[in-house]
């Protein structure tokens, strides 16, 4: 029923967008071109094909258990966005032109020339958006970048001065199930950084434990002398699939945890570990997912911190950065929190120190390093994708954090 509703809404959206965009093209182009039978057949043929693909994707999505089919469904959604976001942008400018034309008609009967003042920039912007999203699907989703930051922690023991931490997050392995080359490249880049500690902040899978199977031996190649630690993210619980029974869902979660460990990670489930070096120690704390509704709130920070040493520097792994604001900052003695989850919405602009993404409308902290009252939060942009099978302006991220004493 839910899939049918989504398909119906998208169909109505498509028809409205296409009708209005077709009208705009007619106003922009010569009548002989816009009215030609060939153009009309191609234009509405693409709409019909997109509708068929959407129906196919919608009917398969909830029944899809084979990770090998994930990319095909995601690709259909990507093509939908590739085609209709530029049309939405073009239609917005067309609406402005119609409003301008309406106002112009009040003062000047010959107001038609105003239309192209809006339609031409709108068409150019739509084409540029189309190219950007196309590039994001073809190359952007694997155009990984190493983000490096140095952090001073006032109580950090001297033995840990210069400690190199690599943070990874949000792999969503189903998206690369048929193309493990990218994950191999990520592992290679991580090892070239020679980290002392590797910390993974959740969402290894999109839903299913089977997604991990081709990658276990690849992830085992990640090397760090002080250990590899991980937590679960909201997707790791498999909540986005209609399971036949609670027992089936629980069995999937149990196997996800097993596969985390088989991949060489020490999985922290509301617990902590002490990392020692040359007689000094720090503590790594890991909580299960805790986010604002509708995301699950399974993290138990008091339980995870039970038995910790109040004199030691603490590093918290918590998938959702909302947790830092609501339960960590100015409430717990935690020097550094590492999160992921947002993906930077896989769309935005990052030029130098300037960064912007629609993600900021949902998350106060959505990418990069934040500091408030001596406590740090780092939000990783993620390695993989969900929803749109690409990235535009927000590159997949390997984080290298170097800790220093003041």
Protein backbone atom coordinates (compact mmCIF):
# COMPACT_ATOMS: atom_id res chain seq x y z
CA UNK A 1 0.00 0.00 0.00
CA UNK A 2 2.81 2.41 0.90
CA UNK A 3 4.64 1.67 -2.39
CA UNK A 4 1.41 2.26 -4.33
CA UNK A 5 0.92 5.63 -2.62
CA UNK A 6 4.51 6.68 -3.38
CA UNK A 7 4.17 5.64 -7.02
CA UNK A 8 0.87 7.54 -7.33
CA UNK A 9 2.34 10.73 -5.86
CA UNK A 10 5.44 10.50 -8.07
CA UNK A 11 3.29 9.88 -11.15
CA UNK A 12 1.19 12.97 -10.48
CA UNK A 13 4.37 14.96 -9.86
CA UNK A 14 5.87 13.71 -13.14
CA UNK A 15 2.80 14.54 -15.22
CA UNK A 16 2.52 18.04 -13.72
CA UNK A 17 6.25 18.71 -14.22
CA UNK A 18 6.24 17.41 -17.78
CA UNK A 19 3.12 19.28 -18.89
CA UNK A 20 4.40 22.57 -17.54
CA UNK A 21 7.97 22.01 -18.80
CA UNK A 22 6.63 21.10 -22.24
CA UNK A 23 4.75 24.39 -22.33
CA UNK A 24 7.94 26.24 -21.35
CA UNK A 25 9.93 24.55 -24.10
CA UNK A 26 7.26 25.52 -26.59
CA UNK A 27 7.63 29.16 -25.51
CA UNK A 28 11.41 28.95 -25.63
CA UNK A 29 11.93 27.06 -28.89
CA UNK A 30 10.65 27.61 -32.40
CA UNK A 31 7.11 26.34 -33.03
CA UNK A 32 8.37 23.99 -35.77
CA UNK A 33 10.78 22.27 -33.33
CA UNK A 34 8.57 22.15 -30.24
CA UNK A 35 5.58 21.04 -32.26
CA UNK A 36 7.33 18.39 -34.36
CA UNK A 37 6.07 14.82 -34.07
CA UNK A 38 9.60 13.51 -33.38
CA UNK A 39 10.16 15.86 -30.44
CA UNK A 40 6.75 15.07 -28.95
CA UNK A 41 7.36 11.31 -29.26
CA UNK A 42 10.81 11.54 -27.64
CA UNK A 43 9.66 13.87 -24.85
CA UNK A 44 6.62 11.87 -23.78
CA UNK A 45 8.35 8.56 -24.52
CA UNK A 46 10.89 9.34 -21.80
CA UNK A 47 8.05 10.15 -19.42
CA UNK A 48 6.32 6.84 -20.15
CA UNK A 49 9.60 4.92 -19.75
CA UNK A 50 10.31 6.64 -16.45
CA UNK A 51 6.85 5.75 -15.20
CA UNK A 52 7.36 2.08 -16.12
CA UNK A 53 10.72 2.02 -14.34
CA UNK A 54 9.24 3.66 -11.22
CA UNK A 55 6.43 1.13 -11.06
CA UNK A 56 8.95 -1.69 -11.43
CA UNK A 57 11.19 -0.25 -8.71
CA UNK A 58 8.27 0.41 -6.36
CA UNK A 59 6.85 -3.08 -6.67
CA UNK A 60 10.25 -4.66 -6.05
CA UNK A 61 11.60 -2.43 -3.28
CA UNK A 62 9.95 -3.96 -0.23
CA UNK A 63 10.34 -7.49 -1.58
CA UNK A 64 13.98 -7.01 -2.49
CA UNK A 65 16.24 -9.17 -0.35
CA UNK A 66 19.06 -9.78 -2.82
CA UNK A 67 21.70 -7.04 -2.36
CA UNK A 68 22.79 -7.59 -5.95
CA UNK A 69 19.53 -5.92 -7.06
CA UNK A 70 19.90 -2.87 -4.82
CA UNK A 71 21.87 -0.79 -7.29
CA UNK A 72 19.29 -1.31 -10.04
CA UNK A 73 16.49 0.10 -7.88
CA UNK A 74 18.70 2.96 -6.65
CA UNK A 75 19.66 3.72 -10.25
CA UNK A 76 16.00 4.17 -11.23
CA UNK A 77 15.54 6.66 -8.39
CA UNK A 78 18.73 8.40 -9.46
CA UNK A 79 17.52 8.74 -13.05
CA UNK A 80 14.22 10.11 -11.75
CA UNK A 81 16.04 12.85 -9.82
CA UNK A 82 18.41 13.43 -12.75
CA UNK A 83 15.46 14.17 -15.04
CA UNK A 84 12.99 15.91 -12.77
CA UNK A 85 15.05 18.15 -10.52
CA UNK A 86 16.24 20.15 -13.58
CA UNK A 87 12.62 20.29 -14.76
CA UNK A 88 11.55 21.54 -11.33
CA UNK A 89 14.19 24.27 -11.52
CA UNK A 90 13.16 25.19 -15.07
CA UNK A 91 9.49 25.25 -14.09
CA UNK A 92 10.25 27.53 -11.16
CA UNK A 93 11.75 30.08 -13.50
CA UNK A 94 8.83 29.55 -15.88
CA UNK A 95 6.42 30.32 -13.04
CA UNK A 96 8.32 33.55 -12.39
CA UNK A 97 8.08 34.39 -16.08
CA UNK A 98 4.33 33.77 -16.05
CA UNK A 99 3.91 35.97 -13.00
CA UNK A 100 6.00 38.69 -14.64
CA UNK A 101 3.98 38.33 -17.84
CA UNK A 102 0.74 38.65 -15.86
CA UNK A 103 1.92 41.83 -14.17
CA UNK A 104 3.25 43.14 -17.47
CA UNK A 105 -0.10 42.61 -19.12
CA UNK A 106 -1.59 45.12 -16.70
CA UNK A 107 0.61 47.85 -18.15
CA UNK A 108 1.68 46.63 -21.56
CA UNK A 109 -0.16 44.32 -23.90
CA UNK A 110 3.10 43.24 -25.55
CA UNK A 111 4.60 41.56 -22.46
CA UNK A 112 5.51 38.25 -24.10
CA UNK A 113 9.16 39.24 -24.55
CA UNK A 114 9.62 39.11 -20.77
CA UNK A 115 9.20 35.33 -20.80
CA UNK A 116 12.60 34.50 -22.25
CA UNK A 117 14.34 36.69 -19.68
CA UNK A 118 13.46 33.94 -17.21
CA UNK A 119 13.19 30.87 -19.43
CA UNK A 120 16.69 31.07 -20.91
CA UNK A 121 18.50 31.31 -17.51
CA UNK A 122 16.15 28.61 -16.20
CA UNK A 123 16.99 26.30 -19.09
CA UNK A 124 20.73 26.90 -18.63
CA UNK A 125 20.47 26.26 -14.87
CA UNK A 126 18.47 23.09 -15.53
CA UNK A 127 21.09 21.81 -17.98
CA UNK A 128 23.89 22.53 -15.50
CA UNK A 129 21.97 20.72 -12.74
CA UNK A 130 21.44 17.77 -15.09
CA UNK A 131 25.16 17.63 -15.84
CA UNK A 132 26.05 17.91 -12.13
CA UNK A 133 23.73 15.08 -11.10
CA UNK A 134 24.90 12.96 -14.01
CA UNK A 135 28.52 13.45 -12.96
CA UNK A 136 27.53 12.74 -9.34
CA UNK A 137 26.08 9.38 -10.34
CA UNK A 138 28.92 8.37 -12.63
CA UNK A 139 31.93 9.65 -10.68
CA UNK A 140 30.89 11.65 -7.62
CA UNK A 141 29.77 8.68 -5.51
CA UNK A 142 33.30 7.21 -5.54
CA UNK A 143 35.36 10.43 -5.68
CA UNK A 144 36.67 9.82 -2.17
CA UNK A 145 38.64 12.47 -0.29
CA UNK A 146 40.81 12.35 2.83
CA UNK A 147 39.79 15.13 5.24
CA UNK A 148 42.56 15.90 7.74
CA UNK A 149 42.15 17.70 11.05
CA UNK A 150 44.39 18.22 14.09
CA UNK A 151 42.73 18.40 17.49
CA UNK A 152 44.22 19.53 20.80
CA UNK A 153 42.84 17.77 23.86
CA UNK A 154 43.88 19.34 27.14
CA UNK A 155 44.05 16.11 29.15
CA UNK A 156 45.57 13.91 26.45
CA UNK A 157 48.51 11.86 27.82
CA UNK A 158 51.86 12.58 26.20
CA UNK A 159 52.10 9.01 24.96
CA UNK A 160 49.13 9.73 22.71
CA UNK A 161 50.47 13.02 21.34
CA UNK A 162 50.33 12.63 17.56
CA UNK A 163 47.83 9.74 17.71
CA UNK A 164 46.41 9.17 14.22
CA UNK A 165 42.76 8.15 14.09
CA UNK A 166 41.02 7.22 10.86
CA UNK A 167 37.24 7.50 11.01
CA UNK A 168 35.03 5.72 8.49
CA UNK A 169 31.26 5.83 8.36
CA UNK A 170 28.13 4.98 6.36
CA UNK A 171 29.49 2.49 3.83
CA UNK A 172 26.03 1.15 2.88
CA UNK A 173 27.68 -1.81 1.20
CA UNK A 174 24.66 -2.83 -0.90
CA UNK A 175 25.45 0.07 -3.22
CA UNK A 176 28.80 -1.53 -4.11
CA UNK A 177 27.79 -5.18 -3.91
CA UNK A 178 28.49 -5.69 -7.61
CA UNK A 179 31.51 -3.39 -7.62
CA UNK A 180 33.77 -4.09 -4.60
CA UNK A 181 36.68 -2.30 -6.30
CA UNK A 182 35.73 1.00 -4.67
CA UNK A 183 35.79 -0.44 -1.14
CA UNK A 184 39.19 -2.01 -1.90
CA UNK A 185 40.42 1.44 -2.92
CA UNK A 186 39.08 2.94 0.31
CA UNK A 187 40.88 0.27 2.35
CA UNK A 188 44.08 0.91 0.41
CA UNK A 189 43.90 4.65 1.06
CA UNK A 190 43.24 4.11 4.77
CA UNK A 191 46.24 1.81 5.15
CA UNK A 192 48.46 4.31 3.32
CA UNK A 193 47.64 6.81 6.09
CA UNK A 194 49.15 4.38 8.66
CA UNK A 195 46.54 5.03 11.36
CA UNK A 196 47.07 4.04 14.98
CA UNK A 197 43.35 3.54 15.48
CA UNK A 198 40.42 2.94 13.11
CA UNK A 199 36.92 3.90 14.24
CA UNK A 200 33.78 3.11 12.24
CA UNK A 201 30.64 5.05 13.16
CA UNK A 202 27.81 2.93 11.79
CA UNK A 203 25.69 2.00 8.76
CA UNK A 204 27.86 -0.72 7.32
CA UNK A 205 24.79 -2.08 5.50
CA UNK A 206 21.60 -0.67 4.07
CA UNK A 207 19.41 -3.41 5.52
CA UNK A 208 20.74 -6.93 5.19
CA UNK A 209 23.58 -8.93 6.63
CA UNK A 210 24.23 -10.50 3.20
CA UNK A 211 25.53 -7.15 2.00
CA UNK A 212 28.71 -7.67 4.02
CA UNK A 213 29.56 -11.13 2.65
CA UNK A 214 31.74 -10.06 -0.35
CA UNK A 215 33.57 -7.48 1.78
CA UNK A 216 34.58 -9.39 4.89
CA UNK A 217 38.04 -10.25 3.58
CA UNK A 218 38.46 -6.73 2.18
CA UNK A 219 37.60 -5.01 5.49
CA UNK A 220 39.90 -7.42 7.31
CA UNK A 221 42.76 -5.78 5.42
CA UNK A 222 42.27 -2.54 7.38
CA UNK A 223 45.23 -2.31 9.75
CA UNK A 224 45.69 -0.29 12.94
CA UNK A 225 48.03 -1.32 15.79
CA UNK A 226 45.75 0.02 18.54
CA UNK A 227 42.63 -1.61 17.15
CA UNK A 228 39.53 -1.28 14.97
CA UNK A 229 36.31 -0.35 16.74
CA UNK A 230 32.78 0.08 15.40
CA UNK A 231 29.20 0.87 16.35
CA UNK A 232 25.83 0.27 14.70
CA UNK A 233 23.92 2.92 12.73
CA UNK A 234 20.20 3.16 12.12
CA UNK A 235 20.38 1.14 8.88
CA UNK A 236 22.29 -1.73 10.49
CA UNK A 237 19.17 -2.79 12.40
CA UNK A 238 17.25 -3.54 9.20
CA UNK A 239 14.25 -1.43 10.21
CA UNK A 240 13.60 -0.26 6.62
CA UNK A 241 12.41 -3.66 5.39
CA UNK A 242 9.08 -5.41 5.93
CA UNK A 243 10.22 -8.61 7.60
CA UNK A 244 8.03 -11.70 7.70
CA UNK A 245 8.46 -11.89 11.48
CA UNK A 246 10.28 -10.33 14.42
CA UNK A 247 12.40 -13.47 14.63
CA UNK A 248 13.60 -13.00 11.05
CA UNK A 249 14.50 -9.37 11.73
CA UNK A 250 16.37 -10.32 14.90
CA UNK A 251 18.26 -13.09 13.08
CA UNK A 252 19.39 -10.57 10.48
CA UNK A 253 20.63 -8.20 13.20
CA UNK A 254 22.50 -11.00 14.95
CA UNK A 255 24.25 -11.85 11.69
CA UNK A 256 25.05 -8.18 10.99
CA UNK A 257 26.85 -8.07 14.35
CA UNK A 258 28.62 -11.35 13.55
CA UNK A 259 29.78 -10.00 10.20
CA UNK A 260 31.05 -6.78 11.81
CA UNK A 261 33.25 -8.90 14.04
CA UNK A 262 34.26 -11.21 11.20
CA UNK A 263 35.47 -8.10 9.36
CA UNK A 264 37.91 -7.42 12.19
CA UNK A 265 35.98 -4.79 14.16
CA UNK A 266 35.45 -4.79 17.91
CA UNK A 267 31.73 -3.91 17.94
CA UNK A 268 30.80 -1.67 20.86
CA UNK A 269 27.18 -2.10 21.97
CA UNK A 270 26.71 0.46 24.76
CA UNK A 271 30.14 -0.38 26.15
CA UNK A 272 33.69 0.92 26.24
CA UNK A 273 37.30 -0.18 25.80
CA UNK A 274 40.52 1.11 27.34
CA UNK A 275 43.37 1.78 24.91
CA UNK A 276 46.81 1.72 26.50
CA UNK A 277 50.16 2.95 25.19
CA UNK A 278 53.45 3.29 27.08
CA UNK A 279 51.72 3.19 30.45
CA UNK A 280 49.05 5.74 29.57
CA UNK A 281 45.42 5.15 28.55
CA UNK A 282 42.40 6.67 26.85
CA UNK A 283 38.91 5.25 26.60
CA UNK A 284 36.81 4.57 23.52
CA UNK A 285 33.06 4.48 24.18
CA UNK A 286 30.51 3.15 21.72
CA UNK A 287 26.72 3.48 21.87
CA UNK A 288 24.01 1.93 19.75
CA UNK A 289 22.04 4.26 17.53
CA UNK A 290 20.46 7.25 19.27
CA UNK A 291 18.72 9.85 17.15
CA UNK A 292 15.71 12.09 17.00
CA UNK A 293 12.46 10.26 16.12
CA UNK A 294 11.74 8.48 13.83
CA UNK A 295 15.28 7.15 14.22
CA UNK A 296 15.72 4.50 16.94
CA UNK A 297 16.92 5.50 20.40
CA UNK A 298 18.75 2.37 21.46
CA UNK A 299 21.91 4.05 22.71
CA UNK A 300 22.47 3.95 26.46
CA UNK A 301 25.29 6.35 27.28
CA UNK A 302 25.20 5.79 31.08
CA UNK A 303 25.51 2.05 30.52
CA UNK A 304 28.34 2.53 28.03
CA UNK A 305 30.22 4.79 30.48
CA UNK A 306 29.65 2.56 33.48
CA UNK A 307 33.05 1.67 34.93
CA UNK A 308 35.01 4.27 32.96
CA UNK A 309 37.85 6.12 34.66
CA UNK A 310 36.91 9.80 35.22
CA UNK A 311 40.57 10.79 34.87
CA UNK A 312 40.98 9.42 31.33
CA UNK A 313 40.29 11.20 28.04
CA UNK A 314 37.19 9.75 26.41
CA UNK A 315 36.33 9.34 22.74
CA UNK A 316 32.68 8.58 21.96
CA UNK A 317 31.35 6.84 18.87
CA UNK A 318 27.70 7.78 18.28
CA UNK A 319 26.20 7.44 14.81
CA UNK A 320 23.77 10.38 14.86
CA UNK A 321 25.25 13.86 15.61
CA UNK A 322 21.96 14.87 17.27
CA UNK A 323 23.06 12.74 20.20
CA UNK A 324 25.96 15.10 20.90
CA UNK A 325 23.66 18.09 21.28
CA UNK A 326 21.01 16.35 23.35
CA UNK A 327 22.94 14.02 25.65
CA UNK A 328 26.68 14.71 25.46
CA UNK A 329 27.63 18.37 25.10
CA UNK A 330 27.98 20.06 28.51
CA UNK A 331 26.45 16.96 30.13
CA UNK A 332 29.23 14.36 29.99
CA UNK A 333 33.00 14.52 30.34
CA UNK A 334 33.65 13.38 26.76
CA UNK A 335 36.42 15.20 24.92
CA UNK A 336 35.72 14.02 21.38
CA UNK A 337 32.61 12.55 19.73
CA UNK A 338 32.66 10.98 16.28
CA UNK A 339 29.46 10.69 14.24
CA UNK A 340 28.22 10.16 10.68
CA UNK A 341 24.66 9.60 9.47
CA UNK A 342 23.98 12.85 7.58
CA UNK A 343 26.03 12.11 4.40
CA UNK A 344 25.97 15.91 4.00
CA UNK A 345 22.75 14.97 2.16
CA UNK A 346 25.11 13.93 -0.69
CA UNK A 347 24.48 17.37 -2.18
CA UNK A 348 25.98 20.75 -1.46
CA UNK A 349 28.88 23.11 -2.01
CA UNK A 350 32.30 22.97 -0.38
CA UNK A 351 34.86 25.54 -1.49
CA UNK A 352 37.73 26.23 0.87
CA UNK A 353 36.30 26.95 4.29
CA UNK A 354 32.83 27.57 2.90
CA UNK A 355 30.36 24.70 3.03
CA UNK A 356 26.63 24.53 2.49
CA UNK A 357 24.11 21.74 2.13
CA UNK A 358 20.36 21.34 2.62
CA UNK A 359 21.42 18.98 5.41
CA UNK A 360 21.92 22.05 7.63
CA UNK A 361 18.15 22.54 7.69
CA UNK A 362 17.80 19.20 9.50
CA UNK A 363 21.06 18.89 11.43
CA UNK A 364 22.81 21.69 13.28
CA UNK A 365 26.05 19.76 12.88
CA UNK A 366 26.15 18.02 9.52
CA UNK A 367 29.77 17.75 8.32
CA UNK A 368 33.25 18.41 9.60
CA UNK A 369 34.68 19.54 12.94
CA UNK A 370 32.77 21.46 15.61
CA UNK A 371 33.93 22.74 18.99
CA UNK A 372 31.84 24.09 21.83
CA UNK A 373 33.06 24.74 25.36
CA UNK A 374 36.16 22.63 24.93
CA UNK A 375 34.31 19.57 23.58
CA UNK A 376 34.71 18.41 19.98
CA UNK A 377 32.37 16.75 17.52
CA UNK A 378 33.42 15.43 14.13
CA UNK A 379 30.73 14.48 11.60
CA UNK A 380 31.95 12.23 8.79
CA UNK A 381 30.33 12.67 5.36
CA UNK A 382 30.20 8.92 4.76
CA UNK A 383 31.74 6.53 2.26
CA UNK A 384 28.58 5.25 0.57
CA UNK A 385 25.17 6.52 -0.43
CA UNK A 386 21.51 5.95 0.22
CA UNK A 387 18.55 7.06 -1.88
CA UNK A 388 20.26 8.99 -4.68
CA UNK A 389 23.10 6.80 -6.08
CA UNK A 390 25.56 9.64 -6.33
CA UNK A 391 27.09 12.70 -4.71
CA UNK A 392 27.11 16.28 -5.94
CA UNK A 393 29.55 18.64 -4.22
CA UNK A 394 29.79 16.52 -1.04
CA UNK A 395 32.53 13.96 -1.57
CA UNK A 396 32.72 10.60 0.18
CA UNK A 397 35.07 10.88 3.13
CA UNK A 398 37.95 9.21 4.88
CA UNK A 399 38.72 11.22 8.02
CA UNK A 400 42.22 11.48 9.45
CA UNK A 401 42.26 13.05 12.92
CA UNK A 402 45.56 13.69 14.64
CA UNK A 403 45.36 14.24 18.39
CA UNK A 404 47.80 16.52 20.19
CA UNK A 405 48.50 17.72 23.68
CA UNK A 406 48.40 21.54 24.07
